[in-house]
């Protein structure tokens, strides 16, 4: 599986490599998932997987629809470069669900 299929964006696909590159470029160990059913402009976690998915260049429509749903998270974790965990949110300072980058450990 080299593509992330977004069921709430007409099954638009995003290469998993785009997400890996984002983590590497920004030197991230994790990214808060930030699933939120609000418009993009009202999203409370701007540095989250949900916002990254919504603002990906392949997403033309559906920017105001939550994209980081369980089906998407499961696909990403199956790639084995990521796992799901709990981490401190940089914005709220609370413990939140996060996508953890495992590739840097290899």
PDB file of N, CA and C in Angstrom:
ATOM      1  N   UNK A   1       0.838  -1.184   0.000  1.00  0.00           N
ATOM      2  CA  UNK A   1       0.000   0.000   0.000  1.00  0.00           C
ATOM      3  C   UNK A   1       0.881   1.246   0.000  1.00  0.00           C
ATOM      4  N   UNK A   2       0.855   1.957  -1.083  1.00  0.00           N
ATOM      5  CA  UNK A   2       1.656   3.169  -1.200  1.00  0.00           C
ATOM      6  C   UNK A   2       0.811   4.422  -1.252  1.00  0.00           C
ATOM      7  N   UNK A   3      -0.500   4.258  -1.144  1.00  0.00           N
ATOM      8  CA  UNK A   3      -1.420   5.387  -1.227  1.00  0.00           C
ATOM      9  C   UNK A   3      -2.325   5.410   0.000  1.00  0.00           C
ATOM     10  N   UNK A   4      -2.658   6.616   0.428  1.00  0.00           N
ATOM     11  CA  UNK A   4      -3.664   6.807   1.476  1.00  0.00           C
ATOM     12  C   UNK A   4      -4.950   7.174   0.748  1.00  0.00           C
ATOM     13  N   UNK A   5      -5.993   6.388   0.939  1.00  0.00           N
ATOM     14  CA  UNK A   5      -7.280   6.658   0.295  1.00  0.00           C
ATOM     15  C   UNK A   5      -8.152   7.423   1.284  1.00  0.00           C
ATOM     16  N   UNK A   6      -8.634   8.571   0.850  1.00  0.00           N
ATOM     17  CA  UNK A   6      -9.461   9.424   1.715  1.00  0.00           C
ATOM     18  C   UNK A   6     -10.940   9.253   1.352  1.00  0.00           C
ATOM     19  N   UNK A   7     -11.680   8.451   2.130  1.00  0.00           N
ATOM     20  CA  UNK A   7     -13.080   8.177   1.796  1.00  0.00           C
ATOM     21  C   UNK A   7     -13.983   9.403   1.857  1.00  0.00           C
ATOM     22  N   UNK A   8     -13.592  10.418   2.637  1.00  0.00           N
ATOM     23  CA  UNK A   8     -14.421  11.624   2.753  1.00  0.00           C
ATOM     24  C   UNK A   8     -13.964  12.733   1.804  1.00  0.00           C
ATOM     25  N   UNK A   9     -13.164  12.335   0.812  1.00  0.00           N
ATOM     26  CA  UNK A   9     -12.735  13.273  -0.240  1.00  0.00           C
ATOM     27  C   UNK A   9     -12.843  12.563  -1.589  1.00  0.00           C
ATOM     28  N   UNK A  10     -13.990  11.894  -1.771  1.00  0.00           N
ATOM     29  CA  UNK A  10     -14.248  11.150  -3.017  1.00  0.00           C
ATOM     30  C   UNK A  10     -13.160  10.141  -3.340  1.00  0.00           C
ATOM     31  N   UNK A  11     -12.616   9.495  -2.318  1.00  0.00           N
ATOM     32  CA  UNK A  11     -11.561   8.487  -2.471  1.00  0.00           C
ATOM     33  C   UNK A  11     -10.297   9.019  -3.155  1.00  0.00           C
ATOM     34  N   UNK A  12     -10.051  10.283  -2.954  1.00  0.00           N
ATOM     35  CA  UNK A  12      -8.793  10.866  -3.427  1.00  0.00           C
ATOM     36  C   UNK A  12      -7.639  10.114  -2.770  1.00  0.00           C
ATOM     37  N   UNK A  13      -6.569   9.903  -3.505  1.00  0.00           N
ATOM     38  CA  UNK A  13      -5.414   9.207  -2.940  1.00  0.00           C
ATOM     39  C   UNK A  13      -4.232  10.164  -2.787  1.00  0.00           C
ATOM     40  N   UNK A  14      -3.500   9.948  -1.720  1.00  0.00           N
ATOM     41  CA  UNK A  14      -2.285  10.721  -1.435  1.00  0.00           C
ATOM     42  C   UNK A  14      -1.163   9.707  -1.244  1.00  0.00           C
ATOM     43  N   UNK A  15      -0.039   9.898  -1.899  1.00  0.00           N
ATOM     44  CA  UNK A  15       1.084   8.969  -1.697  1.00  0.00           C
ATOM     45  C   UNK A  15       1.561   8.984  -0.244  1.00  0.00           C
ATOM     46  N   UNK A  16       1.742   7.802   0.337  1.00  0.00           N
ATOM     47  CA  UNK A  16       2.246   7.707   1.714  1.00  0.00           C
ATOM     48  C   UNK A  16       3.599   8.402   1.820  1.00  0.00           C
ATOM     49  N   UNK A  17       4.347   8.418   0.728  1.00  0.00           N
ATOM     50  CA  UNK A  17       5.668   9.045   0.717  1.00  0.00           C
ATOM     51  C   UNK A  17       5.569  10.547   1.001  1.00  0.00           C
ATOM     52  N   UNK A  18       4.460  11.174   0.642  1.00  0.00           N
ATOM     53  CA  UNK A  18       4.262  12.598   0.949  1.00  0.00           C
ATOM     54  C   UNK A  18       4.238  12.823   2.460  1.00  0.00           C
ATOM     55  N   UNK A  19       3.582  11.929   3.172  1.00  0.00           N
ATOM     56  CA  UNK A  19       3.503  12.042   4.629  1.00  0.00           C
ATOM     57  C   UNK A  19       4.870  11.766   5.259  1.00  0.00           C
ATOM     58  N   UNK A  20       5.550  10.748   4.774  1.00  0.00           N
ATOM     59  CA  UNK A  20       6.893  10.441   5.274  1.00  0.00           C
ATOM     60  C   UNK A  20       7.824  11.632   5.036  1.00  0.00           C
ATOM     61  N   UNK A  21       7.753  12.201   3.856  1.00  0.00           N
ATOM     62  CA  UNK A  21       8.583  13.364   3.527  1.00  0.00           C
ATOM     63  C   UNK A  21       8.266  14.540   4.456  1.00  0.00           C
ATOM     64  N   UNK A  22       6.986  14.758   4.765  1.00  0.00           N
ATOM     65  CA  UNK A  22       6.586  15.837   5.670  1.00  0.00           C
ATOM     66  C   UNK A  22       7.218  15.646   7.052  1.00  0.00           C
ATOM     67  N   UNK A  23       7.176  14.421   7.563  1.00  0.00           N
ATOM     68  CA  UNK A  23       7.790  14.127   8.858  1.00  0.00           C
ATOM     69  C   UNK A  23       9.299  14.374   8.809  1.00  0.00           C
ATOM     70  N   UNK A  24       9.944  13.896   7.755  1.00  0.00           N
ATOM     71  CA  UNK A  24      11.397  14.051   7.640  1.00  0.00           C
ATOM     72  C   UNK A  24      11.792  15.515   7.466  1.00  0.00           C
ATOM     73  N   UNK A  25      11.106  16.215   6.603  1.00  0.00           N
ATOM     74  CA  UNK A  25      11.400  17.623   6.329  1.00  0.00           C
ATOM     75  C   UNK A  25      11.267  18.484   7.579  1.00  0.00           C
ATOM     76  N   UNK A  26      10.253  18.192   8.379  1.00  0.00           N
ATOM     77  CA  UNK A  26       9.991  18.977   9.584  1.00  0.00           C
ATOM     78  C   UNK A  26      10.599  18.372  10.843  1.00  0.00           C
ATOM     79  N   UNK A  27      11.369  17.291  10.659  1.00  0.00           N
ATOM     80  CA  UNK A  27      12.046  16.607  11.779  1.00  0.00           C
ATOM     81  C   UNK A  27      11.065  16.249  12.900  1.00  0.00           C
ATOM     82  N   UNK A  28       9.938  15.658  12.503  1.00  0.00           N
ATOM     83  CA  UNK A  28       8.889  15.296  13.452  1.00  0.00           C
ATOM     84  C   UNK A  28       9.035  13.849  13.893  1.00  0.00           C
ATOM     85  N   UNK A  29       8.807  13.597  15.154  1.00  0.00           N
ATOM     86  CA  UNK A  29       8.710  12.242  15.687  1.00  0.00           C
ATOM     87  C   UNK A  29       7.257  11.805  15.752  1.00  0.00           C
ATOM     88  N   UNK A  30       6.362  12.783  15.872  1.00  0.00           N
ATOM     89  CA  UNK A  30       4.930  12.483  15.926  1.00  0.00           C
ATOM     90  C   UNK A  30       4.141  13.688  15.450  1.00  0.00           C
ATOM     91  N   UNK A  31       2.873  13.426  15.149  1.00  0.00           N
ATOM     92  CA  UNK A  31       1.956  14.467  14.718  1.00  0.00           C
ATOM     93  C   UNK A  31       0.608  14.156  15.356  1.00  0.00           C
ATOM     94  N   UNK A  32       0.035  15.118  16.042  1.00  0.00           N
ATOM     95  CA  UNK A  32      -1.281  14.934  16.649  1.00  0.00           C
ATOM     96  C   UNK A  32      -2.284  14.637  15.539  1.00  0.00           C
ATOM     97  N   UNK A  33      -3.163  13.667  15.760  1.00  0.00           N
ATOM     98  CA  UNK A  33      -4.135  13.297  14.725  1.00  0.00           C
ATOM     99  C   UNK A  33      -5.143  14.422  14.520  1.00  0.00           C
ATOM    100  N   UNK A  34      -5.712  14.942  15.573  1.00  0.00           N
ATOM    101  CA  UNK A  34      -6.546  16.144  15.491  1.00  0.00           C
ATOM    102  C   UNK A  34      -7.834  16.016  14.712  1.00  0.00           C
ATOM    103  N   UNK A  35      -8.455  14.845  14.721  1.00  0.00           N
ATOM    104  CA  UNK A  35      -9.740  14.679  14.028  1.00  0.00           C
ATOM    105  C   UNK A  35     -10.737  15.686  14.581  1.00  0.00           C
ATOM    106  N   UNK A  36     -11.343  16.449  13.691  1.00  0.00           N
ATOM    107  CA  UNK A  36     -12.225  17.520  14.126  1.00  0.00           C
ATOM    108  C   UNK A  36     -13.260  17.792  13.056  1.00  0.00           C
ATOM    109  N   UNK A  37     -14.526  17.791  13.442  1.00  0.00           N
ATOM    110  CA  UNK A  37     -15.617  18.023  12.493  1.00  0.00           C
ATOM    111  C   UNK A  37     -15.988  19.499  12.463  1.00  0.00           C
ATOM    112  N   UNK A  38     -15.020  20.315  12.102  1.00  0.00           N
ATOM    113  CA  UNK A  38     -15.231  21.756  11.958  1.00  0.00           C
ATOM    114  C   UNK A  38     -14.646  22.182  10.614  1.00  0.00           C
ATOM    115  N   UNK A  39     -14.953  23.406  10.212  1.00  0.00           N
ATOM    116  CA  UNK A  39     -14.356  23.911   8.976  1.00  0.00           C
ATOM    117  C   UNK A  39     -12.847  24.065   9.168  1.00  0.00           C
ATOM    118  N   UNK A  40     -12.137  24.093   8.078  1.00  0.00           N
ATOM    119  CA  UNK A  40     -10.683  24.223   8.152  1.00  0.00           C
ATOM    120  C   UNK A  40     -10.277  25.505   8.884  1.00  0.00           C
ATOM    121  N   UNK A  41     -10.943  26.596   8.616  1.00  0.00           N
ATOM    122  CA  UNK A  41     -10.581  27.863   9.263  1.00  0.00           C
ATOM    123  C   UNK A  41     -10.862  27.864  10.763  1.00  0.00           C
ATOM    124  N   UNK A  42     -11.765  26.996  11.212  1.00  0.00           N
ATOM    125  CA  UNK A  42     -12.079  26.914  12.643  1.00  0.00           C
ATOM    126  C   UNK A  42     -11.382  25.758  13.348  1.00  0.00           C
ATOM    127  N   UNK A  43     -10.477  25.093  12.652  1.00  0.00           N
ATOM    128  CA  UNK A  43      -9.794  23.935  13.238  1.00  0.00           C
ATOM    129  C   UNK A  43      -8.928  24.392  14.402  1.00  0.00           C
ATOM    130  N   UNK A  44      -9.043  23.654  15.533  1.00  0.00           N
ATOM    131  CA  UNK A  44      -8.323  24.053  16.748  1.00  0.00           C
ATOM    132  C   UNK A  44      -6.893  23.495  16.820  1.00  0.00           C
ATOM    133  N   UNK A  45      -6.538  22.609  15.895  1.00  0.00           N
ATOM    134  CA  UNK A  45      -5.191  22.013  15.914  1.00  0.00           C
ATOM    135  C   UNK A  45      -4.560  22.158  14.528  1.00  0.00           C
ATOM    136  N   UNK A  46      -4.021  23.334  14.255  1.00  0.00           N
ATOM    137  CA  UNK A  46      -3.483  23.604  12.910  1.00  0.00           C
ATOM    138  C   UNK A  46      -2.290  22.733  12.524  1.00  0.00           C
ATOM    139  N   UNK A  47      -1.562  22.229  13.502  1.00  0.00           N
ATOM    140  CA  UNK A  47      -0.416  21.359  13.210  1.00  0.00           C
ATOM    141  C   UNK A  47      -0.788  19.915  13.498  1.00  0.00           C
ATOM    142  N   UNK A  48      -1.787  19.426  12.775  1.00  0.00           N
ATOM    143  CA  UNK A  48      -2.284  18.064  12.995  1.00  0.00           C
ATOM    144  C   UNK A  48      -2.345  17.309  11.676  1.00  0.00           C
ATOM    145  N   UNK A  49      -2.475  15.999  11.798  1.00  0.00           N
ATOM    146  CA  UNK A  49      -2.643  15.162  10.615  1.00  0.00           C
ATOM    147  C   UNK A  49      -3.895  15.575   9.855  1.00  0.00           C
ATOM    148  N   UNK A  50      -4.978  15.858  10.571  1.00  0.00           N
ATOM    149  CA  UNK A  50      -6.228  16.240   9.916  1.00  0.00           C
ATOM    150  C   UNK A  50      -6.032  17.472   9.035  1.00  0.00           C
ATOM    151  N   UNK A  51      -5.357  18.476   9.539  1.00  0.00           N
ATOM    152  CA  UNK A  51      -5.120  19.695   8.752  1.00  0.00           C
ATOM    153  C   UNK A  51      -4.149  19.400   7.599  1.00  0.00           C
ATOM    154  N   UNK A  52      -3.132  18.587   7.844  1.00  0.00           N
ATOM    155  CA  UNK A  52      -2.198  18.235   6.765  1.00  0.00           C
ATOM    156  C   UNK A  52      -2.945  17.559   5.616  1.00  0.00           C
ATOM    157  N   UNK A  53      -3.831  16.613   5.959  1.00  0.00           N
ATOM    158  CA  UNK A  53      -4.603  15.935   4.917  1.00  0.00           C
ATOM    159  C   UNK A  53      -5.517  16.903   4.176  1.00  0.00           C
ATOM    160  N   UNK A  54      -6.202  17.758   4.915  1.00  0.00           N
ATOM    161  CA  UNK A  54      -7.145  18.704   4.297  1.00  0.00           C
ATOM    162  C   UNK A  54      -6.450  19.703   3.376  1.00  0.00           C
ATOM    163  N   UNK A  55      -5.214  20.034   3.687  1.00  0.00           N
ATOM    164  CA  UNK A  55      -4.512  21.066   2.912  1.00  0.00           C
ATOM    165  C   UNK A  55      -3.548  20.474   1.877  1.00  0.00           C
ATOM    166  N   UNK A  56      -3.530  19.160   1.754  1.00  0.00           N
ATOM    167  CA  UNK A  56      -2.675  18.526   0.755  1.00  0.00           C
ATOM    168  C   UNK A  56      -3.095  19.033  -0.633  1.00  0.00           C
ATOM    169  N   UNK A  57      -2.136  19.275  -1.525  1.00  0.00           N
ATOM    170  CA  UNK A  57      -2.465  19.809  -2.860  1.00  0.00           C
ATOM    171  C   UNK A  57      -3.455  18.967  -3.665  1.00  0.00           C
ATOM    172  N   UNK A  58      -3.557  17.669  -3.385  1.00  0.00           N
ATOM    173  CA  UNK A  58      -4.489  16.820  -4.128  1.00  0.00           C
ATOM    174  C   UNK A  58      -5.937  16.990  -3.658  1.00  0.00           C
ATOM    175  N   UNK A  59      -6.131  17.637  -2.509  1.00  0.00           N
ATOM    176  CA  UNK A  59      -7.484  17.865  -1.986  1.00  0.00           C
ATOM    177  C   UNK A  59      -7.960  19.220  -2.488  1.00  0.00           C
ATOM    178  N   UNK A  60      -8.812  19.165  -3.498  1.00  0.00           N
ATOM    179  CA  UNK A  60      -9.327  20.411  -4.076  1.00  0.00           C
ATOM    180  C   UNK A  60     -10.613  20.809  -3.356  1.00  0.00           C
ATOM    181  N   UNK A  61     -11.483  19.848  -3.184  1.00  0.00           N
ATOM    182  CA  UNK A  61     -12.735  20.060  -2.440  1.00  0.00           C
ATOM    183  C   UNK A  61     -12.597  19.346  -1.101  1.00  0.00           C
ATOM    184  N   UNK A  62     -13.553  19.464  -0.272  1.00  0.00           N
ATOM    185  CA  UNK A  62     -13.617  18.735   1.001  1.00  0.00           C
ATOM    186  C   UNK A  62     -12.607  19.225   2.035  1.00  0.00           C
ATOM    187  N   UNK A  63     -12.142  20.441   1.917  1.00  0.00           N
ATOM    188  CA  UNK A  63     -11.205  20.982   2.908  1.00  0.00           C
ATOM    189  C   UNK A  63     -11.893  21.216   4.256  1.00  0.00           C
ATOM    190  N   UNK A  64     -13.214  21.322   4.235  1.00  0.00           N
ATOM    191  CA  UNK A  64     -13.965  21.545   5.469  1.00  0.00           C
ATOM    192  C   UNK A  64     -14.541  20.251   6.037  1.00  0.00           C
ATOM    193  N   UNK A  65     -14.051  19.117   5.558  1.00  0.00           N
ATOM    194  CA  UNK A  65     -14.508  17.807   6.021  1.00  0.00           C
ATOM    195  C   UNK A  65     -13.370  17.105   6.741  1.00  0.00           C
ATOM    196  N   UNK A  66     -13.668  16.540   7.904  1.00  0.00           N
ATOM    197  CA  UNK A  66     -12.662  15.792   8.657  1.00  0.00           C
ATOM    198  C   UNK A  66     -12.127  14.657   7.787  1.00  0.00           C
ATOM    199  N   UNK A  67     -10.809  14.569   7.668  1.00  0.00           N
ATOM    200  CA  UNK A  67     -10.174  13.542   6.831  1.00  0.00           C
ATOM    201  C   UNK A  67      -9.438  12.482   7.648  1.00  0.00           C
ATOM    202  N   UNK A  68      -9.098  12.780   8.876  1.00  0.00           N
ATOM    203  CA  UNK A  68      -8.312  11.829   9.682  1.00  0.00           C
ATOM    204  C   UNK A  68      -9.223  10.867  10.443  1.00  0.00           C
ATOM    205  N   UNK A  69     -10.058  10.173   9.699  1.00  0.00           N
ATOM    206  CA  UNK A  69     -10.991   9.209  10.287  1.00  0.00           C
ATOM    207  C   UNK A  69     -10.265   7.878  10.530  1.00  0.00           C
ATOM    208  N   UNK A  70     -10.885   6.998  11.318  1.00  0.00           N
ATOM    209  CA  UNK A  70     -10.253   5.728  11.689  1.00  0.00           C
ATOM    210  C   UNK A  70      -9.783   4.914  10.484  1.00  0.00           C
ATOM    211  N   UNK A  71     -10.575   4.890   9.429  1.00  0.00           N
ATOM    212  CA  UNK A  71     -10.223   4.131   8.222  1.00  0.00           C
ATOM    213  C   UNK A  71      -8.902   4.634   7.628  1.00  0.00           C
ATOM    214  N   UNK A  72      -8.683   5.924   7.674  1.00  0.00           N
ATOM    215  CA  UNK A  72      -7.454   6.526   7.145  1.00  0.00           C
ATOM    216  C   UNK A  72      -6.272   6.218   8.070  1.00  0.00           C
ATOM    217  N   UNK A  73      -6.479   6.345   9.367  1.00  0.00           N
ATOM    218  CA  UNK A  73      -5.417   6.050  10.339  1.00  0.00           C
ATOM    219  C   UNK A  73      -4.964   4.596  10.192  1.00  0.00           C
ATOM    220  N   UNK A  74      -5.929   3.689  10.056  1.00  0.00           N
ATOM    221  CA  UNK A  74      -5.614   2.269   9.890  1.00  0.00           C
ATOM    222  C   UNK A  74      -4.752   2.039   8.648  1.00  0.00           C
ATOM    223  N   UNK A  75      -5.087   2.699   7.556  1.00  0.00           N
ATOM    224  CA  UNK A  75      -4.295   2.571   6.329  1.00  0.00           C
ATOM    225  C   UNK A  75      -2.854   3.038   6.548  1.00  0.00           C
ATOM    226  N   UNK A  76      -2.710   4.163   7.207  1.00  0.00           N
ATOM    227  CA  UNK A  76      -1.373   4.739   7.432  1.00  0.00           C
ATOM    228  C   UNK A  76      -0.544   3.807   8.311  1.00  0.00           C
ATOM    229  N   UNK A  77      -1.139   3.268   9.355  1.00  0.00           N
ATOM    230  CA  UNK A  77      -0.414   2.384  10.281  1.00  0.00           C
ATOM    231  C   UNK A  77      -0.024   1.071   9.597  1.00  0.00           C
ATOM    232  N   UNK A  78      -0.850   0.592   8.681  1.00  0.00           N
ATOM    233  CA  UNK A  78      -0.520  -0.635   7.943  1.00  0.00           C
ATOM    234  C   UNK A  78       0.761  -0.477   7.128  1.00  0.00           C
ATOM    235  N   UNK A  79       1.121   0.750   6.823  1.00  0.00           N
ATOM    236  CA  UNK A  79       2.348   0.983   6.054  1.00  0.00           C
ATOM    237  C   UNK A  79       3.596   0.633   6.855  1.00  0.00           C
ATOM    238  N   UNK A  80       3.492   0.608   8.156  1.00  0.00           N
ATOM    239  CA  UNK A  80       4.541   0.218   9.097  1.00  0.00           C
ATOM    240  C   UNK A  80       5.640   1.269   9.287  1.00  0.00           C
ATOM    241  N   UNK A  81       5.473   2.445   8.739  1.00  0.00           N
ATOM    242  CA  UNK A  81       6.387   3.539   9.071  1.00  0.00           C
ATOM    243  C   UNK A  81       5.820   4.359  10.220  1.00  0.00           C
ATOM    244  N   UNK A  82       4.578   4.035  10.601  1.00  0.00           N
ATOM    245  CA  UNK A  82       3.878   4.803  11.624  1.00  0.00           C
ATOM    246  C   UNK A  82       3.173   3.866  12.603  1.00  0.00           C
ATOM    247  N   UNK A  83       2.961   4.369  13.801  1.00  0.00           N
ATOM    248  CA  UNK A  83       2.118   3.693  14.780  1.00  0.00           C
ATOM    249  C   UNK A  83       1.236   4.758  15.418  1.00  0.00           C
ATOM    250  N   UNK A  84       0.274   4.328  16.199  1.00  0.00           N
ATOM    251  CA  UNK A  84      -0.580   5.277  16.906  1.00  0.00           C
ATOM    252  C   UNK A  84      -0.207   5.251  18.372  1.00  0.00           C
ATOM    253  N   UNK A  85      -0.156   6.426  18.975  1.00  0.00           N
ATOM    254  CA  UNK A  85       0.176   6.516  20.384  1.00  0.00           C
ATOM    255  C   UNK A  85      -0.455   7.741  21.010  1.00  0.00           C
ATOM    256  N   UNK A  86      -0.065   8.033  22.209  1.00  0.00           N
ATOM    257  CA  UNK A  86      -0.533   9.221  22.922  1.00  0.00           C
ATOM    258  C   UNK A  86       0.666  10.137  23.126  1.00  0.00           C
ATOM    259  N   UNK A  87       0.514  11.397  22.787  1.00  0.00           N
ATOM    260  CA  UNK A  87       1.592  12.364  22.925  1.00  0.00           C
ATOM    261  C   UNK A  87       1.019  13.708  23.364  1.00  0.00           C
ATOM    262  N   UNK A  88       1.880  14.564  23.867  1.00  0.00           N
ATOM    263  CA  UNK A  88       1.468  15.894  24.313  1.00  0.00           C
ATOM    264  C   UNK A  88       1.240  16.795  23.101  1.00  0.00           C
ATOM    265  N   UNK A  89       0.071  17.371  23.044  1.00  0.00           N
ATOM    266  CA  UNK A  89      -0.273  18.286  21.947  1.00  0.00           C
ATOM    267  C   UNK A  89       0.475  19.606  22.141  1.00  0.00           C
ATOM    268  N   UNK A  90       1.206  20.059  21.137  1.00  0.00           N
ATOM    269  CA  UNK A  90       1.937  21.322  21.269  1.00  0.00           C
ATOM    270  C   UNK A  90       1.009  22.533  21.463  1.00  0.00           C
ATOM    271  N   UNK A  91      -0.212  22.429  20.943  1.00  0.00           N
ATOM    272  CA  UNK A  91      -1.150  23.555  21.026  1.00  0.00           C
ATOM    273  C   UNK A  91      -1.900  23.575  22.364  1.00  0.00           C
ATOM    274  N   UNK A  92      -2.546  22.455  22.726  1.00  0.00           N
ATOM    275  CA  UNK A  92      -3.381  22.424  23.928  1.00  0.00           C
ATOM    276  C   UNK A  92      -2.621  21.991  25.188  1.00  0.00           C
ATOM    277  N   UNK A  93      -1.445  21.377  24.986  1.00  0.00           N
ATOM    278  CA  UNK A  93      -0.621  20.831  26.073  1.00  0.00           C
ATOM    279  C   UNK A  93      -1.272  19.622  26.738  1.00  0.00           C
ATOM    280  N   UNK A  94      -2.332  19.090  26.138  1.00  0.00           N
ATOM    281  CA  UNK A  94      -2.994  17.902  26.648  1.00  0.00           C
ATOM    282  C   UNK A  94      -2.441  16.659  25.962  1.00  0.00           C
ATOM    283  N   UNK A  95      -2.674  15.506  26.566  1.00  0.00           N
ATOM    284  CA  UNK A  95      -2.291  14.244  25.947  1.00  0.00           C
ATOM    285  C   UNK A  95      -3.371  13.893  24.917  1.00  0.00           C
ATOM    286  N   UNK A  96      -2.948  13.674  23.676  1.00  0.00           N
ATOM    287  CA  UNK A  96      -3.872  13.410  22.576  1.00  0.00           C
ATOM    288  C   UNK A  96      -3.389  12.228  21.746  1.00  0.00           C
ATOM    289  N   UNK A  97      -4.290  11.688  20.947  1.00  0.00           N
ATOM    290  CA  UNK A  97      -3.907  10.636  20.010  1.00  0.00           C
ATOM    291  C   UNK A  97      -2.960  11.223  18.975  1.00  0.00           C
ATOM    292  N   UNK A  98      -1.923  10.452  18.655  1.00  0.00           N
ATOM    293  CA  UNK A  98      -0.915  10.940  17.725  1.00  0.00           C
ATOM    294  C   UNK A  98      -0.490   9.851  16.754  1.00  0.00           C
ATOM    295  N   UNK A  99      -0.032  10.285  15.604  1.00  0.00           N
ATOM    296  CA  UNK A  99       0.600   9.410  14.636  1.00  0.00           C
ATOM    297  C   UNK A  99       2.094   9.500  14.913  1.00  0.00           C
ATOM    298  N   UNK A 100       2.698   8.366  15.252  1.00  0.00           N
ATOM    299  CA  UNK A 100       4.105   8.335  15.659  1.00  0.00           C
ATOM    300  C   UNK A 100       4.935   7.791  14.494  1.00  0.00           C
ATOM    301  N   UNK A 101       5.988   8.510  14.149  1.00  0.00           N
ATOM    302  CA  UNK A 101       6.855   8.129  13.033  1.00  0.00           C
ATOM    303  C   UNK A 101       7.865   7.094  13.528  1.00  0.00           C
ATOM    304  N   UNK A 102       7.831   5.922  12.969  1.00  0.00           N
ATOM    305  CA  UNK A 102       8.724   4.833  13.379  1.00  0.00           C
ATOM    306  C   UNK A 102       9.908   4.679  12.431  1.00  0.00           C
ATOM    307  N   UNK A 103       9.821   5.246  11.251  1.00  0.00           N
ATOM    308  CA  UNK A 103      10.825   5.046  10.221  1.00  0.00           C
ATOM    309  C   UNK A 103      12.208   5.535  10.656  1.00  0.00           C
ATOM    310  N   UNK A 104      12.245   6.573  11.478  1.00  0.00           N
ATOM    311  CA  UNK A 104      13.536   7.116  11.903  1.00  0.00           C
ATOM    312  C   UNK A 104      14.271   6.168  12.866  1.00  0.00           C
ATOM    313  N   UNK A 105      13.580   5.142  13.367  1.00  0.00           N
ATOM    314  CA  UNK A 105      14.181   4.195  14.288  1.00  0.00           C
ATOM    315  C   UNK A 105      14.913   3.063  13.569  1.00  0.00           C
ATOM    316  N   UNK A 106      14.649   2.927  12.278  1.00  0.00           N
ATOM    317  CA  UNK A 106      15.232   1.821  11.498  1.00  0.00           C
ATOM    318  C   UNK A 106      16.665   2.101  11.127  1.00  0.00           C
TER     319      UNK A 106
END
